[in-house]
Amino acid sequence: IDLIKGYIDLGAPIDGVNRGKYTYLMEASSGDLLSIVNLLCEYPDTDPNIVVVRGRGRRKKEFTALSLAKSDAVKAALIACGAAQ
């Protein structure tokens, strides 16, 4: 957690994306990492409502951090962070 906090404090984009085009908050929520979700939500620049579209045509799906969350605790943290239900 300290490493991630230091990384963000150095100016890393909070809503940056990984190779799969998911934001760091999406990755933390899908991995059930409550402490990381809480850490990212402490920063005012964090947007829990970013939508990532995967696939084309009928296979097209939209994902948000809330839709990827696995546990109720992570979902509650995201809602407290401002995620739209």
Protein backbone atom coordinates (compact mmCIF):
# COMPACT_ATOMS: atom_id res chain seq x y z
CA ILE A 1 0.00 0.00 0.00
CA ASP A 2 2.86 2.37 0.81
CA LEU A 3 4.37 1.70 -2.61
CA ILE A 4 1.12 2.56 -4.38
CA LYS A 5 0.66 5.66 -2.22
CA GLY A 6 4.18 6.80 -3.08
CA TYR A 7 3.59 6.09 -6.75
CA ILE A 8 0.48 8.27 -6.75
CA ASP A 9 2.18 11.00 -4.73
CA LEU A 10 4.90 11.16 -7.39
CA GLY A 11 2.27 12.08 -9.96
CA ALA A 12 1.16 8.78 -11.45
CA PRO A 13 -2.26 9.09 -13.07
CA ILE A 14 -4.86 7.67 -10.69
CA ASP A 15 -7.19 6.78 -13.52
CA GLY A 16 -4.42 5.27 -15.61
CA VAL A 17 -5.08 1.99 -17.34
CA ASN A 18 -3.28 -1.34 -17.61
CA ARG A 19 -2.89 -3.48 -20.74
CA GLY A 20 -6.50 -4.65 -20.51
CA LYS A 21 -7.69 -1.02 -20.47
CA TYR A 22 -9.02 -1.30 -16.90
CA THR A 23 -8.29 1.48 -14.41
CA TYR A 24 -6.35 0.77 -11.23
CA LEU A 25 -9.58 1.09 -9.25
CA MET A 26 -11.24 -1.52 -11.47
CA GLU A 27 -8.34 -3.91 -10.96
CA ALA A 28 -8.42 -3.43 -7.19
CA SER A 29 -12.17 -3.96 -7.00
CA SER A 30 -12.09 -7.06 -9.18
CA GLY A 31 -9.28 -8.48 -7.06
CA ASP A 32 -11.23 -7.84 -3.84
CA LEU A 33 -8.47 -5.55 -2.54
CA LEU A 34 -10.45 -3.40 -0.12
CA SER A 35 -7.45 -1.56 1.30
CA ILE A 36 -6.32 -0.48 -2.19
CA VAL A 37 -9.86 0.61 -3.11
CA ASN A 38 -10.00 2.71 0.06
CA LEU A 39 -6.57 4.18 -0.68
CA LEU A 40 -7.50 5.15 -4.24
CA CYS A 41 -10.80 6.64 -3.06
CA GLU A 42 -8.93 8.99 -0.70
CA TYR A 43 -7.74 10.98 -3.70
CA PRO A 44 -10.22 13.52 -5.11
CA ASP A 45 -9.16 12.76 -8.71
CA THR A 46 -10.41 9.17 -8.51
CA ASP A 47 -13.43 8.57 -10.73
CA PRO A 48 -15.22 5.31 -9.88
CA ASN A 49 -17.68 5.79 -12.76
CA ILE A 50 -15.28 5.32 -15.68
CA VAL A 51 -16.78 2.89 -18.19
CA VAL A 52 -14.62 0.49 -20.19
CA VAL A 53 -16.22 -1.10 -23.25
CA ARG A 54 -14.94 -4.51 -24.33
CA GLY A 55 -15.94 -6.48 -27.42
CA ARG A 56 -17.93 -5.57 -30.50
CA GLY A 57 -21.44 -6.07 -31.76
CA ARG A 58 -23.52 -8.43 -29.66
CA ARG A 59 -20.53 -9.32 -27.51
CA LYS A 60 -20.03 -5.70 -26.46
CA LYS A 61 -20.02 -5.28 -22.67
CA GLU A 62 -19.53 -2.28 -20.43
CA PHE A 63 -17.59 -2.54 -17.19
CA THR A 64 -17.21 -0.21 -14.22
CA ALA A 65 -15.38 -0.66 -10.94
CA LEU A 66 -18.70 -1.43 -9.24
CA SER A 67 -19.69 -4.07 -11.80
CA LEU A 68 -16.33 -5.81 -11.34
CA ALA A 69 -16.44 -5.79 -7.52
CA LYS A 70 -16.69 -9.24 -5.98
CA SER A 71 -17.48 -8.58 -2.32
CA ASP A 72 -20.10 -6.49 -0.57
CA ALA A 73 -17.39 -4.63 1.37
CA VAL A 74 -15.72 -3.46 -1.84
CA LYS A 75 -19.10 -2.50 -3.34
CA ALA A 76 -19.92 -0.45 -0.22
CA ALA A 77 -16.52 1.30 -0.40
CA LEU A 78 -17.08 2.15 -4.08
CA ILE A 79 -20.56 3.52 -3.40
CA ALA A 80 -19.11 5.65 -0.59
CA CYS A 81 -16.49 6.82 -3.10
CA GLY A 82 -19.24 8.04 -5.44
CA ALA A 83 -19.88 5.09 -7.76
CA ALA A 84 -23.26 5.26 -9.47
CA GLN A 85 -25.44 2.27 -8.86
